[in-house]
Every structure is written in C-alpha cells, then in structure tokens.
Amino acid sequence: MANEHQTEGKGKDLGGKLKEEAGDLLGNDKMKREGQADQVEGKVQKGYGDAKEKLKD
C-alpha cells in the first residue's frame, strides 16, 4: 500500500510533466522549467516515501 509521500510525489511528478508539456506547446520557457522542477520534487518525495515504506517492512 502506498503511503502519502509516494502518492503526493507521483502526483507532483505527473503534474510537472503536464506543466512542462504545456510550456513547450505554448513556447513558455518559465512554465517548462517549473514543470521540470515539479517533476524533480515529486521524484524526490516519492523516493522518500519508497524508502520509508521499505524500512517499515
């Protein structure tokens, strides 16, 4: 079962991908970079959740 960090991290990653694509389509470099940053943040948060879950086992 996924913990809140895994779920929120995955959501941030997916949201960041959408934001990056929107920025790319609109030619908005700032939005594209924000999307990339959101993806990194989401992956880090999900990684923390994965580690936390692994320690629980």
PDB file of N, CA and C in Angstrom:
ATOM      1  N   MET A   1       0.839  -1.181   0.000  1.00  0.00           N
ATOM      2  CA  MET A   1       0.000   0.000   0.000  1.00  0.00           C
ATOM      3  C   MET A   1       0.888   1.251   0.000  1.00  0.00           C
ATOM      4  N   ALA A   2       0.530   2.215  -0.807  1.00  0.00           N
ATOM      5  CA  ALA A   2       1.325   3.436  -0.932  1.00  0.00           C
ATOM      6  C   ALA A   2       1.063   4.373   0.248  1.00  0.00           C
ATOM      7  N   ASN A   3       2.136   5.002   0.704  1.00  0.00           N
ATOM      8  CA  ASN A   3       1.959   5.994   1.757  1.00  0.00           C
ATOM      9  C   ASN A   3       1.745   7.371   1.132  1.00  0.00           C
ATOM     10  N   GLU A   4       1.464   8.372   1.957  1.00  0.00           N
ATOM     11  CA  GLU A   4       1.110   9.700   1.438  1.00  0.00           C
ATOM     12  C   GLU A   4       2.259  10.341   0.657  1.00  0.00           C
ATOM     13  N   HIS A   5       3.497  10.061   1.024  1.00  0.00           N
ATOM     14  CA  HIS A   5       4.630  10.645   0.315  1.00  0.00           C
ATOM     15  C   HIS A   5       4.741  10.056  -1.099  1.00  0.00           C
ATOM     16  N   GLN A   6       4.494   8.778  -1.214  1.00  0.00           N
ATOM     17  CA  GLN A   6       4.533   8.146  -2.532  1.00  0.00           C
ATOM     18  C   GLN A   6       3.429   8.704  -3.427  1.00  0.00           C
ATOM     19  N   THR A   7       2.234   8.824  -2.873  1.00  0.00           N
ATOM     20  CA  THR A   7       1.089   9.316  -3.635  1.00  0.00           C
ATOM     21  C   THR A   7       1.269  10.767  -4.047  1.00  0.00           C
ATOM     22  N   GLU A   8       1.636  11.617  -3.095  1.00  0.00           N
ATOM     23  CA  GLU A   8       1.828  13.032  -3.407  1.00  0.00           C
ATOM     24  C   GLU A   8       2.990  13.230  -4.372  1.00  0.00           C
ATOM     25  N   GLY A   9       4.053  12.465  -4.192  1.00  0.00           N
ATOM     26  CA  GLY A   9       5.204  12.567  -5.080  1.00  0.00           C
ATOM     27  C   GLY A   9       4.853  12.199  -6.513  1.00  0.00           C
ATOM     28  N   LYS A  10       4.097  11.139  -6.674  1.00  0.00           N
ATOM     29  CA  LYS A  10       3.679  10.719  -8.011  1.00  0.00           C
ATOM     30  C   LYS A  10       2.794  11.786  -8.640  1.00  0.00           C
ATOM     31  N   GLY A  11       1.919  12.379  -7.837  1.00  0.00           N
ATOM     32  CA  GLY A  11       1.046  13.450  -8.337  1.00  0.00           C
ATOM     33  C   GLY A  11       1.842  14.665  -8.791  1.00  0.00           C
ATOM     34  N   LYS A  12       2.836  15.050  -8.016  1.00  0.00           N
ATOM     35  CA  LYS A  12       3.680  16.197  -8.393  1.00  0.00           C
ATOM     36  C   LYS A  12       4.459  15.896  -9.662  1.00  0.00           C
ATOM     37  N   ASP A  13       4.952  14.670  -9.777  1.00  0.00           N
ATOM     38  CA  ASP A  13       5.694  14.266 -10.968  1.00  0.00           C
ATOM     39  C   ASP A  13       4.801  14.362 -12.209  1.00  0.00           C
ATOM     40  N   LEU A  14       3.600  13.808 -12.122  1.00  0.00           N
ATOM     41  CA  LEU A  14       2.681  13.843 -13.264  1.00  0.00           C
ATOM     42  C   LEU A  14       2.250  15.269 -13.593  1.00  0.00           C
ATOM     43  N   GLY A  15       1.948  16.053 -12.556  1.00  0.00           N
ATOM     44  CA  GLY A  15       1.585  17.453 -12.769  1.00  0.00           C
ATOM     45  C   GLY A  15       2.717  18.227 -13.427  1.00  0.00           C
ATOM     46  N   GLY A  16       3.932  17.937 -13.012  1.00  0.00           N
ATOM     47  CA  GLY A  16       5.102  18.583 -13.596  1.00  0.00           C
ATOM     48  C   GLY A  16       5.280  18.224 -15.062  1.00  0.00           C
ATOM     49  N   LYS A  17       5.001  16.972 -15.406  1.00  0.00           N
ATOM     50  CA  LYS A  17       5.101  16.557 -16.804  1.00  0.00           C
ATOM     51  C   LYS A  17       4.091  17.313 -17.664  1.00  0.00           C
ATOM     52  N   LEU A  18       2.870  17.440 -17.140  1.00  0.00           N
ATOM     53  CA  LEU A  18       1.840  18.186 -17.864  1.00  0.00           C
ATOM     54  C   LEU A  18       2.230  19.654 -18.025  1.00  0.00           C
ATOM     55  N   LYS A  19       2.744  20.237 -16.954  1.00  0.00           N
ATOM     56  CA  LYS A  19       3.156  21.640 -16.978  1.00  0.00           C
ATOM     57  C   LYS A  19       4.309  21.842 -17.965  1.00  0.00           C
ATOM     58  N   GLU A  20       5.256  20.912 -17.975  1.00  0.00           N
ATOM     59  CA  GLU A  20       6.379  21.002 -18.907  1.00  0.00           C
ATOM     60  C   GLU A  20       5.881  20.938 -20.359  1.00  0.00           C
ATOM     61  N   GLU A  21       4.983  20.004 -20.643  1.00  0.00           N
ATOM     62  CA  GLU A  21       4.443  19.869 -21.989  1.00  0.00           C
ATOM     63  C   GLU A  21       3.653  21.112 -22.401  1.00  0.00           C
ATOM     64  N   ALA A  22       2.860  21.647 -21.474  1.00  0.00           N
ATOM     65  CA  ALA A  22       2.096  22.865 -21.771  1.00  0.00           C
ATOM     66  C   ALA A  22       3.048  24.019 -22.079  1.00  0.00           C
ATOM     67  N   GLY A  23       4.090  24.153 -21.285  1.00  0.00           N
ATOM     68  CA  GLY A  23       5.077  25.200 -21.522  1.00  0.00           C
ATOM     69  C   GLY A  23       5.759  25.034 -22.864  1.00  0.00           C
ATOM     70  N   ASP A  24       6.024  23.793 -23.238  1.00  0.00           N
ATOM     71  CA  ASP A  24       6.656  23.506 -24.520  1.00  0.00           C
ATOM     72  C   ASP A  24       5.715  23.891 -25.661  1.00  0.00           C
ATOM     73  N   LEU A  25       4.459  23.495 -25.549  1.00  0.00           N
ATOM     74  CA  LEU A  25       3.478  23.793 -26.599  1.00  0.00           C
ATOM     75  C   LEU A  25       3.237  25.295 -26.737  1.00  0.00           C
ATOM     76  N   LEU A  26       3.230  25.995 -25.612  1.00  0.00           N
ATOM     77  CA  LEU A  26       2.958  27.433 -25.626  1.00  0.00           C
ATOM     78  C   LEU A  26       4.211  28.273 -25.858  1.00  0.00           C
ATOM     79  N   GLY A  27       5.359  27.624 -25.879  1.00  0.00           N
ATOM     80  CA  GLY A  27       6.610  28.361 -26.033  1.00  0.00           C
ATOM     81  C   GLY A  27       6.963  29.165 -24.797  1.00  0.00           C
ATOM     82  N   ASN A  28       6.498  28.699 -23.631  1.00  0.00           N
ATOM     83  CA  ASN A  28       6.726  29.395 -22.368  1.00  0.00           C
ATOM     84  C   ASN A  28       7.827  28.665 -21.602  1.00  0.00           C
ATOM     85  N   ASP A  29       9.049  29.208 -21.706  1.00  0.00           N
ATOM     86  CA  ASP A  29      10.198  28.553 -21.071  1.00  0.00           C
ATOM     87  C   ASP A  29      10.085  28.505 -19.553  1.00  0.00           C
ATOM     88  N   LYS A  30       9.521  29.549 -18.961  1.00  0.00           N
ATOM     89  CA  LYS A  30       9.381  29.579 -17.495  1.00  0.00           C
ATOM     90  C   LYS A  30       8.473  28.436 -17.024  1.00  0.00           C
ATOM     91  N   MET A  31       7.350  28.261 -17.694  1.00  0.00           N
ATOM     92  CA  MET A  31       6.416  27.189 -17.334  1.00  0.00           C
ATOM     93  C   MET A  31       7.074  25.827 -17.535  1.00  0.00           C
ATOM     94  N   LYS A  32       7.835  25.694 -18.604  1.00  0.00           N
ATOM     95  CA  LYS A  32       8.527  24.427 -18.881  1.00  0.00           C
ATOM     96  C   LYS A  32       9.517  24.110 -17.767  1.00  0.00           C
ATOM     97  N   ARG A  33      10.308  25.093 -17.345  1.00  0.00           N
ATOM     98  CA  ARG A  33      11.278  24.878 -16.258  1.00  0.00           C
ATOM     99  C   ARG A  33      10.584  24.571 -14.933  1.00  0.00           C
ATOM    100  N   GLU A  34       9.468  25.257 -14.674  1.00  0.00           N
ATOM    101  CA  GLU A  34       8.706  24.980 -13.446  1.00  0.00           C
ATOM    102  C   GLU A  34       8.203  23.537 -13.456  1.00  0.00           C
ATOM    103  N   GLY A  35       7.756  23.074 -14.601  1.00  0.00           N
ATOM    104  CA  GLY A  35       7.297  21.688 -14.729  1.00  0.00           C
ATOM    105  C   GLY A  35       8.418  20.699 -14.460  1.00  0.00           C
ATOM    106  N   GLN A  36       9.597  21.014 -14.976  1.00  0.00           N
ATOM    107  CA  GLN A  36      10.747  20.142 -14.736  1.00  0.00           C
ATOM    108  C   GLN A  36      11.110  20.125 -13.252  1.00  0.00           C
ATOM    109  N   ALA A  37      11.043  21.283 -12.615  1.00  0.00           N
ATOM    110  CA  ALA A  37      11.344  21.361 -11.177  1.00  0.00           C
ATOM    111  C   ALA A  37      10.309  20.585 -10.371  1.00  0.00           C
ATOM    112  N   ASP A  38       9.044  20.686 -10.763  1.00  0.00           N
ATOM    113  CA  ASP A  38       7.981  19.938 -10.079  1.00  0.00           C
ATOM    114  C   ASP A  38       8.219  18.435 -10.196  1.00  0.00           C
ATOM    115  N   GLN A  39       8.702  18.002 -11.360  1.00  0.00           N
ATOM    116  CA  GLN A  39       8.987  16.577 -11.552  1.00  0.00           C
ATOM    117  C   GLN A  39      10.095  16.108 -10.615  1.00  0.00           C
ATOM    118  N   VAL A  40      11.138  16.908 -10.499  1.00  0.00           N
ATOM    119  CA  VAL A  40      12.245  16.551  -9.602  1.00  0.00           C
ATOM    120  C   VAL A  40      11.739  16.472  -8.167  1.00  0.00           C
ATOM    121  N   GLU A  41      10.963  17.481  -7.763  1.00  0.00           N
ATOM    122  CA  GLU A  41      10.416  17.494  -6.405  1.00  0.00           C
ATOM    123  C   GLU A  41       9.552  16.256  -6.160  1.00  0.00           C
ATOM    124  N   GLY A  42       8.734  15.906  -7.126  1.00  0.00           N
ATOM    125  CA  GLY A  42       7.871  14.738  -6.991  1.00  0.00           C
ATOM    126  C   GLY A  42       8.657  13.443  -6.893  1.00  0.00           C
ATOM    127  N   LYS A  43       9.698  13.328  -7.695  1.00  0.00           N
ATOM    128  CA  LYS A  43      10.512  12.109  -7.665  1.00  0.00           C
ATOM    129  C   LYS A  43      11.251  11.966  -6.335  1.00  0.00           C
ATOM    130  N   VAL A  44      11.728  13.087  -5.815  1.00  0.00           N
ATOM    131  CA  VAL A  44      12.410  13.051  -4.515  1.00  0.00           C
ATOM    132  C   VAL A  44      11.422  12.645  -3.420  1.00  0.00           C
ATOM    133  N   GLN A  45      10.235  13.252  -3.452  1.00  0.00           N
ATOM    134  CA  GLN A  45       9.234  12.930  -2.431  1.00  0.00           C
ATOM    135  C   GLN A  45       8.804  11.468  -2.538  1.00  0.00           C
ATOM    136  N   LYS A  46       8.611  10.977  -3.749  1.00  0.00           N
ATOM    137  CA  LYS A  46       8.226   9.574  -3.923  1.00  0.00           C
ATOM    138  C   LYS A  46       9.348   8.656  -3.450  1.00  0.00           C
ATOM    139  N   GLY A  47      10.603   9.031  -3.736  1.00  0.00           N
ATOM    140  CA  GLY A  47      11.749   8.243  -3.280  1.00  0.00           C
ATOM    141  C   GLY A  47      11.801   8.162  -1.765  1.00  0.00           C
ATOM    142  N   TYR A  48      11.498   9.280  -1.110  1.00  0.00           N
ATOM    143  CA  TYR A  48      11.440   9.298   0.351  1.00  0.00           C
ATOM    144  C   TYR A  48      10.343   8.345   0.836  1.00  0.00           C
ATOM    145  N   GLY A  49       9.197   8.412   0.181  1.00  0.00           N
ATOM    146  CA  GLY A  49       8.097   7.520   0.554  1.00  0.00           C
ATOM    147  C   GLY A  49       8.442   6.058   0.325  1.00  0.00           C
ATOM    148  N   ASP A  50       9.152   5.780  -0.773  1.00  0.00           N
ATOM    149  CA  ASP A  50       9.579   4.402  -1.059  1.00  0.00           C
ATOM    150  C   ASP A  50      10.518   3.898   0.037  1.00  0.00           C
ATOM    151  N   ALA A  51      11.476   4.755   0.418  1.00  0.00           N
ATOM    152  CA  ALA A  51      12.439   4.369   1.455  1.00  0.00           C
ATOM    153  C   ALA A  51      11.731   4.144   2.791  1.00  0.00           C
ATOM    154  N   LYS A  52      10.805   5.024   3.103  1.00  0.00           N
ATOM    155  CA  LYS A  52      10.048   4.915   4.349  1.00  0.00           C
ATOM    156  C   LYS A  52       9.248   3.605   4.372  1.00  0.00           C
ATOM    157  N   GLU A  53       8.666   3.262   3.250  1.00  0.00           N
ATOM    158  CA  GLU A  53       7.877   2.029   3.133  1.00  0.00           C
ATOM    159  C   GLU A  53       8.777   0.800   3.269  1.00  0.00           C
ATOM    160  N   LYS A  54       9.968   0.874   2.675  1.00  0.00           N
ATOM    161  CA  LYS A  54      10.902  -0.243   2.729  1.00  0.00           C
ATOM    162  C   LYS A  54      11.367  -0.488   4.166  1.00  0.00           C
ATOM    163  N   LEU A  55      11.586   0.577   4.912  1.00  0.00           N
ATOM    164  CA  LEU A  55      12.012   0.442   6.311  1.00  0.00           C
ATOM    165  C   LEU A  55      10.909  -0.157   7.185  1.00  0.00           C
ATOM    166  N   LYS A  56       9.681   0.075   6.778  1.00  0.00           N
ATOM    167  CA  LYS A  56       8.552  -0.450   7.536  1.00  0.00           C
ATOM    168  C   LYS A  56       8.477  -1.981   7.445  1.00  0.00           C
ATOM    169  N   ASP A  57       8.940  -2.539   6.340  1.00  0.00           N
ATOM    170  CA  ASP A  57       8.862  -3.995   6.117  1.00  0.00           C
ATOM    171  C   ASP A  57       9.758  -4.751   7.009  1.00  0.00           C
TER     172      ASP A  57
END
